[in-house]
Amino acid sequence: MDIGAIFNAPPDQRNSIGTAISKVAFKAQEKEFVIDIDMTDYDSIRTCCQGTAICIKCWKFMQGAVKVLNRALREDFGFKHILWIFSGRRGIHCWVCDHRARMLTNEGRSAVAEYLGVVAGTEKQKS
């Protein structure tokens, strides 16, 4: 299954010469809001595996991420229709299917991502 953005013109016309829609004017009106979490994001704290290797111990990091993100997306942003999918290799995808999420601007998407982002401490902060 392939899901993509909804554009203001048929995508096959985006490069056509002489069409009313130029490359500058061709833009997505709605697009899916997807968060991708890879196990490799946790390599700095995993002790059992590294890279694309995944075991039951390190999968707990993914379980924790789902719990935290699911709660934040529902309680802090009010999203209701959230689908979690194993990506088939080394992580998970979170599809936020609410209409309001599909309508987010690039700035809005960046703000949500920044809000949900994890701040890594420095060596000085660890002591």
C-alpha atoms as a PDB file:
ATOM      1  CA  MET A   1       0.000   0.000   0.000  1.00  0.00           C
ATOM      2  CA  ASP A   2       1.335   3.418  -0.890  1.00  0.00           C
ATOM      3  CA  ILE A   3      -0.076   6.525   0.721  1.00  0.00           C
ATOM      4  CA  GLY A   4       1.119   9.916  -0.365  1.00  0.00           C
ATOM      5  CA  ALA A   5       0.360  13.576  -0.264  1.00  0.00           C
ATOM      6  CA  ILE A   6      -2.706  15.193  -1.819  1.00  0.00           C
ATOM      7  CA  PHE A   7      -1.512  17.788  -4.313  1.00  0.00           C
ATOM      8  CA  ASN A   8      -3.209  20.799  -5.881  1.00  0.00           C
ATOM      9  CA  ALA A   9      -2.783  19.156  -9.321  1.00  0.00           C
ATOM     10  CA  PRO A  10      -2.225  15.633 -10.656  1.00  0.00           C
ATOM     11  CA  PRO A  11       1.390  14.616  -9.808  1.00  0.00           C
ATOM     12  CA  ASP A  12       2.030  13.417 -13.363  1.00  0.00           C
ATOM     13  CA  GLN A  13       1.597  17.028 -14.546  1.00  0.00           C
ATOM     14  CA  ARG A  14       4.225  18.568 -12.258  1.00  0.00           C
ATOM     15  CA  ASN A  15       6.941  18.508 -14.934  1.00  0.00           C
ATOM     16  CA  SER A  16       4.756  19.073 -18.004  1.00  0.00           C
ATOM     17  CA  ILE A  17       5.678  22.046 -20.154  1.00  0.00           C
ATOM     18  CA  GLY A  18       2.782  24.361 -20.837  1.00  0.00           C
ATOM     19  CA  THR A  19       0.607  23.245 -17.920  1.00  0.00           C
ATOM     20  CA  ALA A  20      -0.970  25.791 -15.650  1.00  0.00           C
ATOM     21  CA  ILE A  21       0.804  24.253 -12.658  1.00  0.00           C
ATOM     22  CA  SER A  22       4.499  25.129 -12.585  1.00  0.00           C
ATOM     23  CA  LYS A  23       7.067  23.487 -10.331  1.00  0.00           C
ATOM     24  CA  VAL A  24       6.863  26.532  -8.093  1.00  0.00           C
ATOM     25  CA  ALA A  25       3.072  26.368  -7.770  1.00  0.00           C
ATOM     26  CA  PHE A  26       2.876  22.566  -7.434  1.00  0.00           C
ATOM     27  CA  LYS A  27       2.496  21.810  -3.729  1.00  0.00           C
ATOM     28  CA  ALA A  28       1.008  19.379  -1.309  1.00  0.00           C
ATOM     29  CA  GLN A  29      -2.254  20.471   0.260  1.00  0.00           C
ATOM     30  CA  GLU A  30      -2.304  17.581   2.741  1.00  0.00           C
ATOM     31  CA  LYS A  31       0.279  14.969   3.610  1.00  0.00           C
ATOM     32  CA  GLU A  32       0.569  12.130   6.022  1.00  0.00           C
ATOM     33  CA  PHE A  33       2.227  12.775   9.364  1.00  0.00           C
ATOM     34  CA  VAL A  34       4.649   9.941  10.079  1.00  0.00           C
ATOM     35  CA  ILE A  35       7.208   9.523  12.835  1.00  0.00           C
ATOM     36  CA  ASP A  36       9.989   6.996  12.198  1.00  0.00           C
ATOM     37  CA  ILE A  37      11.852   5.454  15.127  1.00  0.00           C
ATOM     38  CA  ASP A  38      14.843   3.234  14.400  1.00  0.00           C
ATOM     39  CA  MET A  39      16.575   0.933  16.855  1.00  0.00           C
ATOM     40  CA  THR A  40      19.878   2.498  15.796  1.00  0.00           C
ATOM     41  CA  ASP A  41      18.670   5.696  17.521  1.00  0.00           C
ATOM     42  CA  TYR A  42      19.380   3.854  20.783  1.00  0.00           C
ATOM     43  CA  ASP A  43      22.858   2.539  19.934  1.00  0.00           C
ATOM     44  CA  SER A  44      24.481   4.886  22.462  1.00  0.00           C
ATOM     45  CA  ILE A  45      22.595   3.235  25.346  1.00  0.00           C
ATOM     46  CA  ARG A  46      21.977  -0.332  24.136  1.00  0.00           C
ATOM     47  CA  THR A  47      24.321  -2.897  25.661  1.00  0.00           C
ATOM     48  CA  CYS A  48      23.002  -6.075  24.045  1.00  0.00           C
ATOM     49  CA  CYS A  49      23.034  -5.230  20.313  1.00  0.00           C
ATOM     50  CA  GLN A  50      24.274  -2.570  17.899  1.00  0.00           C
ATOM     51  CA  GLY A  51      23.265  -1.386  14.437  1.00  0.00           C
ATOM     52  CA  THR A  52      20.388  -3.235  12.812  1.00  0.00           C
ATOM     53  CA  ALA A  53      20.540  -6.171  15.249  1.00  0.00           C
ATOM     54  CA  ILE A  54      17.481  -6.380  17.493  1.00  0.00           C
ATOM     55  CA  CYS A  55      16.779  -8.666  20.453  1.00  0.00           C
ATOM     56  CA  ILE A  56      13.985  -8.858  23.010  1.00  0.00           C
ATOM     57  CA  LYS A  57      16.064  -6.845  25.515  1.00  0.00           C
ATOM     58  CA  CYS A  58      16.664  -3.857  23.276  1.00  0.00           C
ATOM     59  CA  TRP A  59      13.111  -3.937  21.890  1.00  0.00           C
ATOM     60  CA  LYS A  60      12.032  -2.554  25.286  1.00  0.00           C
ATOM     61  CA  PHE A  61      13.431   0.813  24.142  1.00  0.00           C
ATOM     62  CA  MET A  62      10.888   0.775  21.318  1.00  0.00           C
ATOM     63  CA  GLN A  63       8.103  -0.154  23.720  1.00  0.00           C
ATOM     64  CA  GLY A  64       9.053   2.811  25.903  1.00  0.00           C
ATOM     65  CA  ALA A  65       9.164   5.151  22.916  1.00  0.00           C
ATOM     66  CA  VAL A  66       5.684   4.052  21.816  1.00  0.00           C
ATOM     67  CA  LYS A  67       4.251   4.664  25.289  1.00  0.00           C
ATOM     68  CA  VAL A  68       5.802   8.124  25.622  1.00  0.00           C
ATOM     69  CA  LEU A  69       4.982   9.276  22.077  1.00  0.00           C
ATOM     70  CA  ASN A  70       1.468   7.832  22.111  1.00  0.00           C
ATOM     71  CA  ARG A  71       0.671   9.673  25.323  1.00  0.00           C
ATOM     72  CA  ALA A  72       2.181  12.962  24.121  1.00  0.00           C
ATOM     73  CA  LEU A  73       0.419  12.804  20.751  1.00  0.00           C
ATOM     74  CA  ARG A  74      -2.932  12.063  22.395  1.00  0.00           C
ATOM     75  CA  GLU A  75      -2.774  14.241  25.509  1.00  0.00           C
ATOM     76  CA  ASP A  76      -0.576  17.156  24.437  1.00  0.00           C
ATOM     77  CA  PHE A  77      -1.739  17.466  20.822  1.00  0.00           C
ATOM     78  CA  GLY A  78      -5.199  15.893  21.013  1.00  0.00           C
ATOM     79  CA  PHE A  79      -4.662  13.404  18.180  1.00  0.00           C
ATOM     80  CA  LYS A  80      -6.996  10.420  18.269  1.00  0.00           C
ATOM     81  CA  HIS A  81      -6.261   8.266  15.209  1.00  0.00           C
ATOM     82  CA  ILE A  82      -2.756   6.872  15.652  1.00  0.00           C
ATOM     83  CA  LEU A  83      -1.441   3.740  13.966  1.00  0.00           C
ATOM     84  CA  TRP A  84       1.798   2.037  15.059  1.00  0.00           C
ATOM     85  CA  ILE A  85       3.467  -0.198  12.473  1.00  0.00           C
ATOM     86  CA  PHE A  86       6.612  -2.332  12.646  1.00  0.00           C
ATOM     87  CA  SER A  87       8.758  -1.041   9.799  1.00  0.00           C
ATOM     88  CA  GLY A  88       9.903  -4.533   8.922  1.00  0.00           C
ATOM     89  CA  ARG A  89      13.543  -4.165   9.720  1.00  0.00           C
ATOM     90  CA  ARG A  90      14.803  -2.149  12.629  1.00  0.00           C
ATOM     91  CA  GLY A  91      12.069   0.071  13.954  1.00  0.00           C
ATOM     92  CA  ILE A  92       8.545   1.380  13.980  1.00  0.00           C
ATOM     93  CA  HIS A  93       6.484   4.019  12.211  1.00  0.00           C
ATOM     94  CA  CYS A  94       3.786   6.077  13.846  1.00  0.00           C
ATOM     95  CA  TRP A  95       1.088   7.247  11.430  1.00  0.00           C
ATOM     96  CA  VAL A  96      -1.033  10.069  12.830  1.00  0.00           C
ATOM     97  CA  CYS A  97      -4.179   9.859  10.751  1.00  0.00           C
ATOM     98  CA  ASP A  98      -6.176  12.816  12.103  1.00  0.00           C
ATOM     99  CA  HIS A  99      -7.236  15.406   9.534  1.00  0.00           C
ATOM    100  CA  ARG A 100      -5.590  18.137  11.609  1.00  0.00           C
ATOM    101  CA  ALA A 101      -2.251  16.289  11.465  1.00  0.00           C
ATOM    102  CA  ARG A 102      -2.448  15.956   7.667  1.00  0.00           C
ATOM    103  CA  MET A 103      -3.038  19.706   7.382  1.00  0.00           C
ATOM    104  CA  LEU A 104       0.063  20.690   9.389  1.00  0.00           C
ATOM    105  CA  THR A 105       2.459  23.026   7.625  1.00  0.00           C
ATOM    106  CA  ASN A 106       6.156  22.217   7.456  1.00  0.00           C
ATOM    107  CA  GLU A 107       6.665  24.643  10.332  1.00  0.00           C
ATOM    108  CA  GLY A 108       3.945  22.900  12.349  1.00  0.00           C
ATOM    109  CA  ARG A 109       5.505  19.490  11.688  1.00  0.00           C
ATOM    110  CA  SER A 110       8.893  20.798  12.764  1.00  0.00           C
ATOM    111  CA  ALA A 111       7.392  22.226  15.953  1.00  0.00           C
ATOM    112  CA  VAL A 112       5.767  18.891  16.845  1.00  0.00           C
ATOM    113  CA  ALA A 113       9.016  17.041  16.115  1.00  0.00           C
ATOM    114  CA  GLU A 114      11.012  19.510  18.199  1.00  0.00           C
ATOM    115  CA  TYR A 115       8.546  19.179  21.081  1.00  0.00           C
ATOM    116  CA  LEU A 116       8.781  15.379  20.932  1.00  0.00           C
ATOM    117  CA  GLY A 117      12.561  15.339  20.442  1.00  0.00           C
ATOM    118  CA  VAL A 118      14.872  13.915  23.051  1.00  0.00           C
ATOM    119  CA  VAL A 119      17.590  16.184  24.338  1.00  0.00           C
ATOM    120  CA  ALA A 120      20.855  14.328  24.786  1.00  0.00           C
ATOM    121  CA  GLY A 121      22.970  15.370  27.728  1.00  0.00           C
ATOM    122  CA  THR A 122      26.595  16.328  27.484  1.00  0.00           C
ATOM    123  CA  GLU A 123      29.443  14.796  29.472  1.00  0.00           C
ATOM    124  CA  LYS A 124      29.283  17.831  31.792  1.00  0.00           C
ATOM    125  CA  GLN A 125      25.563  17.270  32.493  1.00  0.00           C
ATOM    126  CA  LYS A 126      26.108  13.606  33.408  1.00  0.00           C
ATOM    127  CA  SER A 127      28.160  14.422  36.517  1.00  0.00           C
END
